[in-house]
C-alpha atoms as a PDB file:
ATOM      1  CA  MET A   1    -203.794  -6.032  75.068  1.00  0.00           C
ATOM      2  CA  LYS A   2    -203.173  -9.668  76.022  1.00  0.00           C
ATOM      3  CA  GLY A   3    -206.882 -10.093  76.719  1.00  0.00           C
ATOM      4  CA  LEU A   4    -207.721  -8.524  73.350  1.00  0.00           C
ATOM      5  CA  LEU A   5    -205.304 -10.887  71.595  1.00  0.00           C
ATOM      6  CA  LEU A   6    -206.801 -13.889  73.390  1.00  0.00           C
ATOM      7  CA  PHE A   7    -210.298 -12.807  72.353  1.00  0.00           C
ATOM      8  CA  ALA A   8    -209.116 -12.370  68.748  1.00  0.00           C
ATOM      9  CA  LEU A   9    -207.690 -15.905  68.756  1.00  0.00           C
ATOM     10  CA  ILE A  10    -210.906 -17.535  69.973  1.00  0.00           C
ATOM     11  CA  LEU A  11    -213.315 -15.293  68.019  1.00  0.00           C
ATOM     12  CA  PRO A  12    -213.680 -17.693  65.037  1.00  0.00           C
ATOM     13  CA  LEU A  13    -214.494 -20.524  67.441  1.00  0.00           C
ATOM     14  CA  LEU A  14    -217.120 -18.404  69.189  1.00  0.00           C
ATOM     15  CA  ASN A  15    -218.533 -17.357  65.826  1.00  0.00           C
ATOM     16  CA  ALA A  16    -218.829 -21.000  64.737  1.00  0.00           C
ATOM     17  CA  ALA A  17    -220.401 -22.059  68.051  1.00  0.00           C
ATOM     18  CA  MET A  18    -223.010 -19.280  67.834  1.00  0.00           C
ATOM     19  CA  GLN A  19    -223.539 -19.878  64.086  1.00  0.00           C
ATOM     20  CA  GLY A  20    -222.630 -16.268  63.387  1.00  0.00           C
ATOM     21  CA  SER A  21    -221.589 -14.689  60.115  1.00  0.00           C
ATOM     22  CA  ILE A  22    -219.239 -11.901  61.167  1.00  0.00           C
ATOM     23  CA  LEU A  23    -215.914 -13.416  60.082  1.00  0.00           C
ATOM     24  CA  PRO A  24    -215.864 -11.711  56.626  1.00  0.00           C
ATOM     25  CA  ALA A  25    -216.408  -8.340  58.306  1.00  0.00           C
ATOM     26  CA  CYS A  26    -213.753  -9.204  60.910  1.00  0.00           C
ATOM     27  CA  CYS A  27    -211.275  -9.917  58.111  1.00  0.00           C
ATOM     28  CA  GLN A  28    -211.893  -6.425  56.722  1.00  0.00           C
ATOM     29  CA  VAL A  29    -211.432  -4.966  60.210  1.00  0.00           C
ATOM     30  CA  LEU A  30    -208.019  -6.668  60.400  1.00  0.00           C
ATOM     31  CA  ILE A  31    -207.087  -4.985  57.101  1.00  0.00           C
ATOM     32  CA  TYR A  32    -208.030  -1.658  58.691  1.00  0.00           C
ATOM     33  CA  LEU A  33    -205.840  -2.437  61.705  1.00  0.00           C
ATOM     34  CA  MET A  34    -202.809  -3.003  59.482  1.00  0.00           C
ATOM     35  CA  LEU A  35    -203.430   0.287  57.701  1.00  0.00           C
ATOM     36  CA  ALA A  36    -203.904   2.133  61.000  1.00  0.00           C
ATOM     37  CA  GLN A  37    -200.526   0.916  62.262  1.00  0.00           C
ATOM     38  CA  GLY A  38    -198.835   2.010  59.037  1.00  0.00           C
ATOM     39  CA  LEU A  39    -200.420   5.467  59.020  1.00  0.00           C
ATOM     40  CA  ASN A  40    -199.646   5.886  62.708  1.00  0.00           C
ATOM     41  CA  LEU A  41    -195.945   5.683  61.811  1.00  0.00           C
ATOM     42  CA  VAL A  42    -196.355   8.707  59.537  1.00  0.00           C
ATOM     43  CA  VAL A  43    -198.971  10.794  61.342  1.00  0.00           C
ATOM     44  CA  GLY A  44    -198.371   9.713  64.925  1.00  0.00           C
ATOM     45  CA  TYR A  45    -194.614   9.279  65.127  1.00  0.00           C
ATOM     46  CA  ALA A  46    -193.440  11.886  62.624  1.00  0.00           C
ATOM     47  CA  GLY A  47    -196.374  14.313  62.766  1.00  0.00           C
ATOM     48  CA  LEU A  48    -196.718  14.346  58.951  1.00  0.00           C
ATOM     49  CA  LEU A  49    -200.321  14.738  57.761  1.00  0.00           C
ATOM     50  CA  HIS A  50    -200.825  12.151  54.994  1.00  0.00           C
ATOM     51  CA  LEU A  51    -204.152  12.268  53.107  1.00  0.00           C
ATOM     52  CA  GLY A  52    -203.387   9.832  50.279  1.00  0.00           C
ATOM     53  CA  TYR A  53    -202.546   6.722  52.265  1.00  0.00           C
ATOM     54  CA  ALA A  54    -205.202   4.553  50.605  1.00  0.00           C
ATOM     55  CA  ALA A  55    -203.426   5.006  47.267  1.00  0.00           C
ATOM     56  CA  PHE A  56    -200.535   2.869  48.558  1.00  0.00           C
ATOM     57  CA  PHE A  57    -203.058   0.255  49.588  1.00  0.00           C
ATOM     58  CA  ALA A  58    -204.314   0.232  45.994  1.00  0.00           C
ATOM     59  CA  VAL A  59    -200.765  -0.079  44.653  1.00  0.00           C
ATOM     60  CA  GLY A  60    -200.142  -3.125  46.841  1.00  0.00           C
ATOM     61  CA  ALA A  61    -203.469  -4.717  45.879  1.00  0.00           C
ATOM     62  CA  PHE A  62    -203.004  -4.225  42.139  1.00  0.00           C
ATOM     63  CA  SER A  63    -199.376  -5.363  42.336  1.00  0.00           C
ATOM     64  CA  MET A  64    -200.543  -8.660  43.815  1.00  0.00           C
ATOM     65  CA  ALA A  65    -203.177  -8.985  41.077  1.00  0.00           C
ATOM     66  CA  TYR A  66    -200.713  -8.148  38.286  1.00  0.00           C
ATOM     67  CA  LEU A  67    -198.234 -10.741  39.529  1.00  0.00           C
ATOM     68  CA  THR A  68    -200.640 -13.630  40.112  1.00  0.00           C
ATOM     69  CA  SER A  69    -203.904 -13.258  38.148  1.00  0.00           C
ATOM     70  CA  PRO A  70    -204.449 -15.053  34.794  1.00  0.00           C
ATOM     71  CA  GLN A  71    -206.143 -11.856  33.519  1.00  0.00           C
ATOM     72  CA  SER A  72    -203.075  -9.776  34.369  1.00  0.00           C
ATOM     73  CA  PRO A  73    -201.573  -7.783  31.459  1.00  0.00           C
ATOM     74  CA  LEU A  74    -198.147  -9.013  32.660  1.00  0.00           C
ATOM     75  CA  ASN A  75    -199.218 -12.667  32.301  1.00  0.00           C
ATOM     76  CA  LEU A  76    -196.925 -13.848  35.113  1.00  0.00           C
ATOM     77  CA  GLN A  77    -199.112 -15.975  37.447  1.00  0.00           C
ATOM     78  CA  TRP A  78    -196.537 -16.180  40.223  1.00  0.00           C
ATOM     79  CA  SER A  79    -197.215 -17.873  43.547  1.00  0.00           C
ATOM     80  CA  PHE A  80    -198.576 -15.949  46.534  1.00  0.00           C
ATOM     81  CA  TYR A  81    -195.345 -16.309  48.505  1.00  0.00           C
ATOM     82  CA  LEU A  82    -193.258 -14.861  45.694  1.00  0.00           C
ATOM     83  CA  ALA A  83    -195.711 -12.061  44.831  1.00  0.00           C
ATOM     84  CA  LEU A  84    -196.298 -10.881  48.414  1.00  0.00           C
ATOM     85  CA  PRO A  85    -192.794  -9.487  49.148  1.00  0.00           C
ATOM     86  CA  LEU A  86    -192.521  -8.106  45.630  1.00  0.00           C
ATOM     87  CA  SER A  87    -195.865  -6.295  46.005  1.00  0.00           C
ATOM     88  CA  VAL A  88    -194.601  -4.753  49.231  1.00  0.00           C
ATOM     89  CA  GLY A  89    -191.359  -3.771  47.463  1.00  0.00           C
ATOM     90  CA  VAL A  90    -193.224  -2.135  44.591  1.00  0.00           C
ATOM     91  CA  THR A  91    -195.338  -0.131  47.044  1.00  0.00           C
ATOM     92  CA  LEU A  92    -192.219   0.868  48.974  1.00  0.00           C
ATOM     93  CA  LEU A  93    -190.649   2.097  45.728  1.00  0.00           C
ATOM     94  CA  VAL A  94    -193.768   4.107  44.832  1.00  0.00           C
ATOM     95  CA  GLY A  95    -193.750   5.558  48.344  1.00  0.00           C
ATOM     96  CA  ALA A  96    -190.129   6.598  47.943  1.00  0.00           C
ATOM     97  CA  LEU A  97    -190.837   8.200  44.562  1.00  0.00           C
ATOM     98  CA  LEU A  98    -193.706  10.212  46.074  1.00  0.00           C
ATOM     99  CA  ALA A  99    -191.720  11.111  49.186  1.00  0.00           C
ATOM    100  CA  TRP A 100    -188.664  12.373  47.294  1.00  0.00           C
ATOM    101  CA  PRO A 101    -190.202  15.632  45.948  1.00  0.00           C
ATOM    102  CA  THR A 102    -192.022  16.317  49.248  1.00  0.00           C
ATOM    103  CA  LEU A 103    -189.060  16.156  51.610  1.00  0.00           C
ATOM    104  CA  LYS A 104    -188.910  19.938  51.960  1.00  0.00           C
ATOM    105  CA  LEU A 105    -192.658  20.281  52.497  1.00  0.00           C
ATOM    106  CA  ARG A 106    -194.415  20.289  55.829  1.00  0.00           C
ATOM    107  CA  GLY A 107    -197.851  20.882  57.301  1.00  0.00           C
ATOM    108  CA  ASP A 108    -200.668  21.771  54.936  1.00  0.00           C
ATOM    109  CA  TYR A 109    -198.415  21.643  51.859  1.00  0.00           C
ATOM    110  CA  LEU A 110    -197.497  18.016  52.469  1.00  0.00           C
ATOM    111  CA  ALA A 111    -201.150  17.176  53.107  1.00  0.00           C
ATOM    112  CA  ILE A 112    -202.191  18.741  49.788  1.00  0.00           C
ATOM    113  CA  VAL A 113    -199.503  16.889  47.821  1.00  0.00           C
ATOM    114  CA  THR A 114    -200.391  13.506  49.345  1.00  0.00           C
ATOM    115  CA  MET A 115    -204.092  14.190  48.833  1.00  0.00           C
ATOM    116  CA  GLY A 116    -203.381  15.005  45.192  1.00  0.00           C
ATOM    117  CA  PHE A 117    -201.600  11.691  44.751  1.00  0.00           C
ATOM    118  CA  GLY A 118    -204.550   9.852  46.258  1.00  0.00           C
ATOM    119  CA  LEU A 119    -207.032  11.645  44.010  1.00  0.00           C
ATOM    120  CA  MET A 120    -204.852  11.246  40.902  1.00  0.00           C
ATOM    121  CA  LEU A 121    -204.382   7.480  41.020  1.00  0.00           C
ATOM    122  CA  ASP A 122    -208.039   6.496  40.567  1.00  0.00           C
ATOM    123  CA  PRO A 123    -208.787   8.408  37.301  1.00  0.00           C
ATOM    124  CA  LEU A 124    -205.334   7.562  35.945  1.00  0.00           C
ATOM    125  CA  MET A 125    -205.989   3.847  36.246  1.00  0.00           C
ATOM    126  CA  ARG A 126    -209.549   4.180  34.923  1.00  0.00           C
ATOM    127  CA  ASN A 127    -208.515   6.129  31.834  1.00  0.00           C
ATOM    128  CA  TYR A 128    -205.936   3.501  30.868  1.00  0.00           C
ATOM    129  CA  ASP A 129    -208.051   0.445  31.592  1.00  0.00           C
ATOM    130  CA  ASP A 130    -206.613  -1.516  28.645  1.00  0.00           C
ATOM    131  CA  ALA A 131    -203.250  -1.517  30.388  1.00  0.00           C
ATOM    132  CA  THR A 132    -204.312  -1.405  34.046  1.00  0.00           C
ATOM    133  CA  LYS A 133    -207.432  -3.632  34.043  1.00  0.00           C
ATOM    134  CA  ALA A 134    -208.748  -1.287  36.735  1.00  0.00           C
ATOM    135  CA  ILE A 135    -212.355  -1.407  35.475  1.00  0.00           C
ATOM    136  CA  THR A 136    -212.330  -4.761  33.681  1.00  0.00           C
ATOM    137  CA  GLY A 137    -210.923  -6.394  36.795  1.00  0.00           C
ATOM    138  CA  MET A 138    -208.739  -9.418  37.479  1.00  0.00           C
ATOM    139  CA  ALA A 139    -209.820 -12.711  39.051  1.00  0.00           C
ATOM    140  CA  ALA A 140    -208.237 -15.888  40.407  1.00  0.00           C
ATOM    141  CA  ILE A 141    -205.635 -13.960  42.414  1.00  0.00           C
ATOM    142  CA  ALA A 142    -203.244 -16.309  44.200  1.00  0.00           C
ATOM    143  CA  THR A 143    -203.913 -17.320  47.818  1.00  0.00           C
ATOM    144  CA  PRO A 144    -201.630 -18.851  50.480  1.00  0.00           C
ATOM    145  CA  PHE A 145    -203.365 -22.229  50.213  1.00  0.00           C
ATOM    146  CA  ALA A 146    -205.728 -23.836  47.732  1.00  0.00           C
ATOM    147  CA  GLY A 147    -209.356 -23.665  48.871  1.00  0.00           C
ATOM    148  CA  ILE A 148    -208.505 -21.494  51.877  1.00  0.00           C
ATOM    149  CA  SER A 149    -211.493 -20.853  54.151  1.00  0.00           C
ATOM    150  CA  THR A 150    -212.574 -17.588  55.737  1.00  0.00           C
ATOM    151  CA  MET A 151    -211.485 -18.849  59.161  1.00  0.00           C
ATOM    152  CA  VAL A 152    -207.960 -19.585  57.918  1.00  0.00           C
ATOM    153  CA  TRP A 153    -207.872 -16.198  56.215  1.00  0.00           C
ATOM    154  CA  TYR A 154    -208.828 -14.614  59.530  1.00  0.00           C
ATOM    155  CA  TYR A 155    -205.780 -16.103  61.227  1.00  0.00           C
ATOM    156  CA  VAL A 156    -203.516 -15.181  58.292  1.00  0.00           C
ATOM    157  CA  LEU A 157    -204.667 -11.560  58.502  1.00  0.00           C
ATOM    158  CA  LEU A 158    -204.339 -11.612  62.297  1.00  0.00           C
ATOM    159  CA  ALA A 159    -200.724 -12.702  61.842  1.00  0.00           C
ATOM    160  CA  GLY A 160    -200.280  -9.774  59.445  1.00  0.00           C
ATOM    161  CA  VAL A 161    -201.604  -7.388  62.104  1.00  0.00           C
ATOM    162  CA  LEU A 162    -199.159  -8.806  64.659  1.00  0.00           C
ATOM    163  CA  VAL A 163    -196.286  -8.279  62.198  1.00  0.00           C
ATOM    164  CA  CYS A 164    -197.322  -4.638  61.722  1.00  0.00           C
ATOM    165  CA  VAL A 165    -197.607  -4.120  65.492  1.00  0.00           C
ATOM    166  CA  GLY A 166    -194.174  -5.664  66.001  1.00  0.00           C
ATOM    167  CA  LEU A 167    -192.717  -3.392  63.323  1.00  0.00           C
ATOM    168  CA  ALA A 168    -194.308  -0.327  64.941  1.00  0.00           C
ATOM    169  CA  TYR A 169    -192.901  -1.343  68.312  1.00  0.00           C
ATOM    170  CA  ARG A 170    -189.405  -1.794  66.884  1.00  0.00           C
ATOM    171  CA  VAL A 171    -189.530   1.599  65.180  1.00  0.00           C
ATOM    172  CA  ARG A 172    -190.817   3.279  68.336  1.00  0.00           C
ATOM    173  CA  HIS A 173    -187.896   2.010  70.428  1.00  0.00           C
ATOM    174  CA  SER A 174    -185.179   2.561  67.819  1.00  0.00           C
ATOM    175  CA  SER A 175    -182.998   5.498  66.843  1.00  0.00           C
ATOM    176  CA  LEU A 176    -185.421   6.160  63.985  1.00  0.00           C
ATOM    177  CA  GLY A 177    -188.247   6.445  66.518  1.00  0.00           C
ATOM    178  CA  ARG A 178    -186.291   9.038  68.502  1.00  0.00           C
ATOM    179  CA  ALA A 179    -185.569  10.972  65.327  1.00  0.00           C
ATOM    180  CA  LEU A 180    -189.235  10.866  64.336  1.00  0.00           C
ATOM    181  CA  ARG A 181    -190.395  12.236  67.683  1.00  0.00           C
ATOM    182  CA  ALA A 182    -187.775  14.987  67.487  1.00  0.00           C
ATOM    183  CA  LEU A 183    -189.026  15.815  63.981  1.00  0.00           C
ATOM    184  CA  ARG A 184    -192.600  15.946  65.236  1.00  0.00           C
ATOM    185  CA  GLU A 185    -191.918  18.119  68.270  1.00  0.00           C
ATOM    186  CA  ASP A 186    -189.429  20.648  66.845  1.00  0.00           C
ATOM    187  CA  PRO A 187    -187.883  20.187  63.366  1.00  0.00           C
ATOM    188  CA  VAL A 188    -185.467  23.096  63.826  1.00  0.00           C
ATOM    189  CA  ALA A 189    -184.087  21.725  67.086  1.00  0.00           C
ATOM    190  CA  ALA A 190    -183.920  18.220  65.605  1.00  0.00           C
ATOM    191  CA  GLU A 191    -181.843  19.456  62.678  1.00  0.00           C
ATOM    192  CA  ALA A 192    -179.615  21.412  65.039  1.00  0.00           C
ATOM    193  CA  CYS A 193    -178.940  18.154  66.903  1.00  0.00           C
ATOM    194  CA  GLY A 194    -177.662  16.529  63.716  1.00  0.00           C
ATOM    195  CA  ILE A 195    -180.811  14.707  62.596  1.00  0.00           C
ATOM    196  CA  SER A 196    -181.262  14.638  58.831  1.00  0.00           C
ATOM    197  CA  LEU A 197    -184.877  15.694  58.339  1.00  0.00           C
ATOM    198  CA  ALA A 198    -184.944  14.637  54.682  1.00  0.00           C
ATOM    199  CA  ARG A 199    -183.609  11.151  55.378  1.00  0.00           C
ATOM    200  CA  THR A 200    -185.925  10.673  58.360  1.00  0.00           C
ATOM    201  CA  LYS A 201    -188.983  11.722  56.349  1.00  0.00           C
ATOM    202  CA  LEU A 202    -187.980   9.478  53.469  1.00  0.00           C
ATOM    203  CA  GLN A 203    -187.572   6.499  55.798  1.00  0.00           C
ATOM    204  CA  VAL A 204    -190.917   6.880  57.546  1.00  0.00           C
ATOM    205  CA  LEU A 205    -192.898   7.636  54.370  1.00  0.00           C
ATOM    206  CA  THR A 206    -191.498   4.602  52.564  1.00  0.00           C
ATOM    207  CA  LEU A 207    -191.978   2.407  55.624  1.00  0.00           C
ATOM    208  CA  GLY A 208    -195.593   3.524  55.976  1.00  0.00           C
ATOM    209  CA  ALA A 209    -196.173   2.876  52.276  1.00  0.00           C
ATOM    210  CA  ALA A 210    -194.740  -0.633  52.629  1.00  0.00           C
ATOM    211  CA  VAL A 211    -197.197  -1.448  55.431  1.00  0.00           C
ATOM    212  CA  ALA A 212    -200.085  -0.230  53.260  1.00  0.00           C
ATOM    213  CA  GLY A 213    -198.751  -2.356  50.395  1.00  0.00           C
ATOM    214  CA  LEU A 214    -198.724  -5.406  52.655  1.00  0.00           C
ATOM    215  CA  ALA A 215    -202.349  -4.769  53.638  1.00  0.00           C
ATOM    216  CA  GLY A 216    -203.314  -4.235  49.989  1.00  0.00           C
ATOM    217  CA  ALA A 217    -201.640  -7.449  48.842  1.00  0.00           C
ATOM    218  CA  PHE A 218    -203.430  -9.419  51.553  1.00  0.00           C
ATOM    219  CA  TYR A 219    -206.733  -7.775  50.605  1.00  0.00           C
ATOM    220  CA  ALA A 220    -206.413  -8.611  46.908  1.00  0.00           C
ATOM    221  CA  SER A 221    -205.588 -12.226  47.693  1.00  0.00           C
ATOM    222  CA  TYR A 222    -208.419 -12.436  50.235  1.00  0.00           C
ATOM    223  CA  ILE A 223    -211.225 -11.212  47.961  1.00  0.00           C
ATOM    224  CA  GLY A 224    -209.835 -13.023  44.902  1.00  0.00           C
ATOM    225  CA  THR A 225    -211.236 -10.546  42.359  1.00  0.00           C
ATOM    226  CA  LEU A 226    -209.968  -6.989  42.099  1.00  0.00           C
ATOM    227  CA  ASN A 227    -211.047  -3.802  40.357  1.00  0.00           C
ATOM    228  CA  LEU A 228    -211.444  -0.188  41.438  1.00  0.00           C
ATOM    229  CA  ALA A 229    -214.766  -0.944  43.131  1.00  0.00           C
ATOM    230  CA  PHE A 230    -213.060  -1.576  46.479  1.00  0.00           C
ATOM    231  CA  PRO A 231    -213.607   0.521  49.622  1.00  0.00           C
ATOM    232  CA  PHE A 232    -210.248   2.270  49.876  1.00  0.00           C
ATOM    233  CA  ASP A 233    -210.374   5.467  47.849  1.00  0.00           C
ATOM    234  CA  PHE A 234    -209.839   8.954  49.297  1.00  0.00           C
ATOM    235  CA  ASN A 235    -212.639   8.278  51.776  1.00  0.00           C
ATOM    236  CA  GLY A 236    -210.649   5.248  52.874  1.00  0.00           C
ATOM    237  CA  SER A 237    -207.672   7.483  53.664  1.00  0.00           C
ATOM    238  CA  ILE A 238    -209.877   9.669  55.843  1.00  0.00           C
ATOM    239  CA  MET A 239    -211.313   6.579  57.550  1.00  0.00           C
ATOM    240  CA  VAL A 240    -207.856   5.270  58.500  1.00  0.00           C
ATOM    241  CA  LEU A 241    -206.779   8.751  59.630  1.00  0.00           C
ATOM    242  CA  ALA A 242    -209.863   8.920  61.853  1.00  0.00           C
ATOM    243  CA  MET A 243    -208.888   5.566  63.383  1.00  0.00           C
ATOM    244  CA  VAL A 244    -205.427   6.851  64.262  1.00  0.00           C
ATOM    245  CA  ILE A 245    -206.722  10.116  65.734  1.00  0.00           C
ATOM    246  CA  LEU A 246    -209.572   8.474  67.641  1.00  0.00           C
ATOM    247  CA  GLY A 247    -207.332   5.776  69.103  1.00  0.00           C
ATOM    248  CA  GLY A 248    -204.578   8.187  70.083  1.00  0.00           C
ATOM    249  CA  VAL A 249    -201.986   9.750  67.805  1.00  0.00           C
ATOM    250  CA  GLY A 250    -198.617   8.059  68.219  1.00  0.00           C
ATOM    251  CA  SER A 251    -199.985   5.209  70.346  1.00  0.00           C
ATOM    252  CA  ILE A 252    -199.580   1.623  69.106  1.00  0.00           C
ATOM    253  CA  ARG A 253    -202.374   0.356  71.325  1.00  0.00           C
ATOM    254  CA  GLY A 254    -204.447   3.395  70.406  1.00  0.00           C
ATOM    255  CA  ALA A 255    -204.174   2.627  66.690  1.00  0.00           C
ATOM    256  CA  LEU A 256    -205.366  -0.916  67.425  1.00  0.00           C
ATOM    257  CA  VAL A 257    -208.287   0.183  69.581  1.00  0.00           C
ATOM    258  CA  GLY A 258    -209.259   3.064  67.286  1.00  0.00           C
ATOM    259  CA  GLY A 259    -209.158   0.846  64.211  1.00  0.00           C
ATOM    260  CA  LEU A 260    -211.094  -1.856  66.025  1.00  0.00           C
ATOM    261  CA  ALA A 261    -213.730   0.583  67.285  1.00  0.00           C
ATOM    262  CA  LEU A 262    -214.395   2.301  63.954  1.00  0.00           C
ATOM    263  CA  GLY A 263    -214.065  -0.901  61.936  1.00  0.00           C
ATOM    264  CA  VAL A 264    -216.545  -2.793  64.102  1.00  0.00           C
ATOM    265  CA  LEU A 265    -218.882   0.199  64.191  1.00  0.00           C
ATOM    266  CA  ASN A 266    -218.837   0.785  60.439  1.00  0.00           C
ATOM    267  CA  LEU A 267    -218.722  -2.833  59.218  1.00  0.00           C
ATOM    268  CA  ILE A 268    -220.667  -4.741  61.878  1.00  0.00           C
ATOM    269  CA  CYS A 269    -222.719  -2.600  64.285  1.00  0.00           C
ATOM    270  CA  ILE A 270    -224.315  -0.112  61.881  1.00  0.00           C
ATOM    271  CA  PRO A 271    -225.195  -2.768  59.222  1.00  0.00           C
ATOM    272  CA  LYS A 272    -226.694  -4.974  61.962  1.00  0.00           C
ATOM    273  CA  LEU A 273    -228.711  -2.018  63.274  1.00  0.00           C
ATOM    274  CA  ILE A 274    -229.982  -1.315  59.756  1.00  0.00           C
ATOM    275  CA  ASP A 275    -231.029  -4.977  59.383  1.00  0.00           C
ATOM    276  CA  VAL A 276    -232.850  -4.966  62.729  1.00  0.00           C
ATOM    277  CA  VAL A 277    -234.789  -1.832  61.822  1.00  0.00           C
ATOM    278  CA  GLN A 278    -235.731  -3.162  58.384  1.00  0.00           C
ATOM    279  CA  VAL A 279    -236.667  -6.675  59.528  1.00  0.00           C
ATOM    280  CA  HIS A 280    -238.331  -6.018  62.895  1.00  0.00           C
ATOM    281  CA  VAL A 281    -238.955  -2.348  63.699  1.00  0.00           C
ATOM    282  CA  GLN A 282    -240.310  -1.193  60.331  1.00  0.00           C
ATOM    283  CA  PRO A 283    -242.899  -4.016  59.899  1.00  0.00           C
ATOM    284  CA  ALA A 284    -244.058  -3.606  63.524  1.00  0.00           C
ATOM    285  CA  LEU A 285    -244.590   0.128  63.076  1.00  0.00           C
ATOM    286  CA  ALA A 286    -246.331  -0.446  59.760  1.00  0.00           C
ATOM    287  CA  ARG A 287    -248.824  -2.749  61.464  1.00  0.00           C
ATOM    288  CA  ALA A 288    -249.293  -0.384  64.403  1.00  0.00           C
ATOM    289  CA  LEU A 289    -249.943   2.593  62.115  1.00  0.00           C
ATOM    290  CA  SER A 290    -252.070   0.763  59.571  1.00  0.00           C
ATOM    291  CA  ASP A 291    -255.024   2.950  60.568  1.00  0.00           C
ATOM    292  CA  SER A 292    -253.000   6.168  60.046  1.00  0.00           C
ATOM    293  CA  PRO A 293    -251.567   6.012  56.518  1.00  0.00           C
ATOM    294  CA  VAL A 294    -250.730   9.720  56.468  1.00  0.00           C
ATOM    295  CA  LEU A 295    -248.630   9.479  59.649  1.00  0.00           C
ATOM    296  CA  TRP A 296    -246.929   6.295  58.376  1.00  0.00           C
ATOM    297  CA  ALA A 297    -246.071   7.998  55.086  1.00  0.00           C
ATOM    298  CA  LYS A 298    -244.245  10.706  57.056  1.00  0.00           C
ATOM    299  CA  ILE A 299    -242.409   8.290  59.370  1.00  0.00           C
ATOM    300  CA  GLU A 300    -241.405   5.613  56.849  1.00  0.00           C
ATOM    301  CA  PRO A 301    -238.624   7.584  55.052  1.00  0.00           C
ATOM    302  CA  TRP A 302    -236.890   8.244  58.381  1.00  0.00           C
ATOM    303  CA  LEU A 303    -236.648   4.515  59.100  1.00  0.00           C
ATOM    304  CA  ASP A 304    -234.338   3.930  56.150  1.00  0.00           C
ATOM    305  CA  LEU A 305    -231.119   4.083  58.178  1.00  0.00           C
ATOM    306  CA  SER A 306    -228.996   3.069  55.185  1.00  0.00           C
ATOM    307  CA  LYS A 307    -229.293   6.680  54.024  1.00  0.00           C
ATOM    308  CA  ALA A 308    -228.094   7.893  57.421  1.00  0.00           C
ATOM    309  CA  GLN A 309    -225.146   5.513  57.799  1.00  0.00           C
ATOM    310  CA  PHE A 310    -222.532   8.257  57.405  1.00  0.00           C
ATOM    311  CA  LEU A 311    -224.568  10.491  59.718  1.00  0.00           C
ATOM    312  CA  MET A 312    -224.445   7.875  62.487  1.00  0.00           C
ATOM    313  CA  PHE A 313    -220.761   7.236  61.850  1.00  0.00           C
ATOM    314  CA  GLY A 314    -219.865  10.937  61.902  1.00  0.00           C
ATOM    315  CA  LEU A 315    -221.982  11.626  64.977  1.00  0.00           C
ATOM    316  CA  THR A 316    -220.197   8.822  66.816  1.00  0.00           C
ATOM    317  CA  LEU A 317    -216.838  10.362  65.898  1.00  0.00           C
ATOM    318  CA  VAL A 318    -217.931  13.793  67.141  1.00  0.00           C
ATOM    319  CA  ILE A 319    -219.147  12.394  70.484  1.00  0.00           C
ATOM    320  CA  MET A 320    -215.989  10.345  71.006  1.00  0.00           C
ATOM    321  CA  MET A 321    -213.669  13.243  70.261  1.00  0.00           C
ATOM    322  CA  LEU A 322    -215.618  15.508  72.627  1.00  0.00           C
ATOM    323  CA  LEU A 323    -215.311  12.936  75.392  1.00  0.00           C
ATOM    324  CA  ARG A 324    -211.706  11.873  74.635  1.00  0.00           C
ATOM    325  CA  PRO A 325    -209.937  14.689  72.721  1.00  0.00           C
ATOM    326  CA  GLU A 326    -206.526  12.995  73.194  1.00  0.00           C
ATOM    327  CA  GLY A 327    -207.810   9.672  71.871  1.00  0.00           C
ATOM    328  CA  ILE A 328    -208.959   6.520  73.579  1.00  0.00           C
ATOM    329  CA  ILE A 329    -205.398   5.514  74.560  1.00  0.00           C
ATOM    330  CA  PRO A 330    -203.045   8.534  74.424  1.00  0.00           C
ATOM    331  CA  GLU A 331    -199.375   8.099  73.587  1.00  0.00           C
ATOM    332  CA  GLU A 332    -197.186   7.148  76.541  1.00  0.00           C
ATOM    333  CA  PRO A 333    -193.642   8.474  77.107  1.00  0.00           C
ATOM    334  CA  VAL A 334    -190.891   6.168  75.891  1.00  0.00           C
ATOM    335  CA  SER A 335    -188.222   5.013  78.346  1.00  0.00           C
ATOM    336  CA  TYR A 336    -184.836   4.052  76.893  1.00  0.00           C
ATOM    337  CA  GLN A 337    -183.315   2.799  80.143  1.00  0.00           C
END
C-alpha cells in the first residue's frame, strides 16, 4: 500500500510530464474510493446488504449545493469550509432517519428497504424541482480555493480518501469493529454476549452515510454545477457494491484495490479502448474492406464498442470473480494484542 500511495502522490507529475489528460478521470476514481470505504463499513464489517448507498452521496452533494450556490433556494452562499461539515452532518442525520425503522430488519428485507430509498429519492427530487432545483441545477458551488486547478483538486480528494481509510482502520480496531464482526458472524450469539444489535446497526449505518455525504460534498464542489444528471443513481450503488465485493468484503486494502480496479477500468481503460477503435482500427478496416462493401456493412456495427461498454465491464467482473471468488485482497484476521 505504501507503493500505491507513493504512485498516487506522483501521478499528477507523471501526467504533466507525459502531457496526459487522465487527471479528471482520476479525480472521479478517488470519489469512488471514498464511497467504497464507506460501504465496506456497512457491507464488509457488519454484513448488512445496502443497495441505496448512492442516495446518501446525492444528499451530501445537494447539501453542499444548497449551502453554497447562488441559485440555491436557501440563498445562503456559505463558504466551503463551513458547508462541508454541515453537509456531512445532514447526510448523517438522513442516514440515522433511514436506519431507525430498519433496525429490526436483516438480509433481503434490509436490502429491499435500502433499495427503495435509493429509487425513491430521484423521482421525489424531480417532481418538486421548484424547491429542490434537481433538474434546473445549481452552479458556482463553493470550492476550497478560488481558481483551484484539477491537480490541486486531485490532492484534496486524495486527502479525503486517506481520511476515509484512517476512519475505517480506527473502526476496525475498536470495540465497534468487534461488535460489527460479531453481528456479521452470528447476531444471536452477539446479542447473547451483551451487544446491542440495534445500537450497533444504527452506528454503522449512520457512519457509512456520513462517509458518502463527505464524498458527495467533495463531488459537488469539484464539478461546480450540480443537477440529477450525475453518475450516482441506483446503478452507482451497484457499482460501489461491486468494488467492495471484488476487492474483498471487509478488507480495507481490498476496498481500495477493488475501487481502483473498477474505477480505472470503467473511467479510463474502456473509454481509451473505444477511442483507439474509433480513431485507428475502424478507419484501417474501412480502407482494407473498401472492395467488399457488403462485408464492411456487416462488420461496422460490431466496432461500435460504446454500445458494448457495459458488456465489457460485466464480463470483466465475471472473469475476476471466477478467478478470485474471495476478492482480490481477502479480509485478514484482526489481532488485538
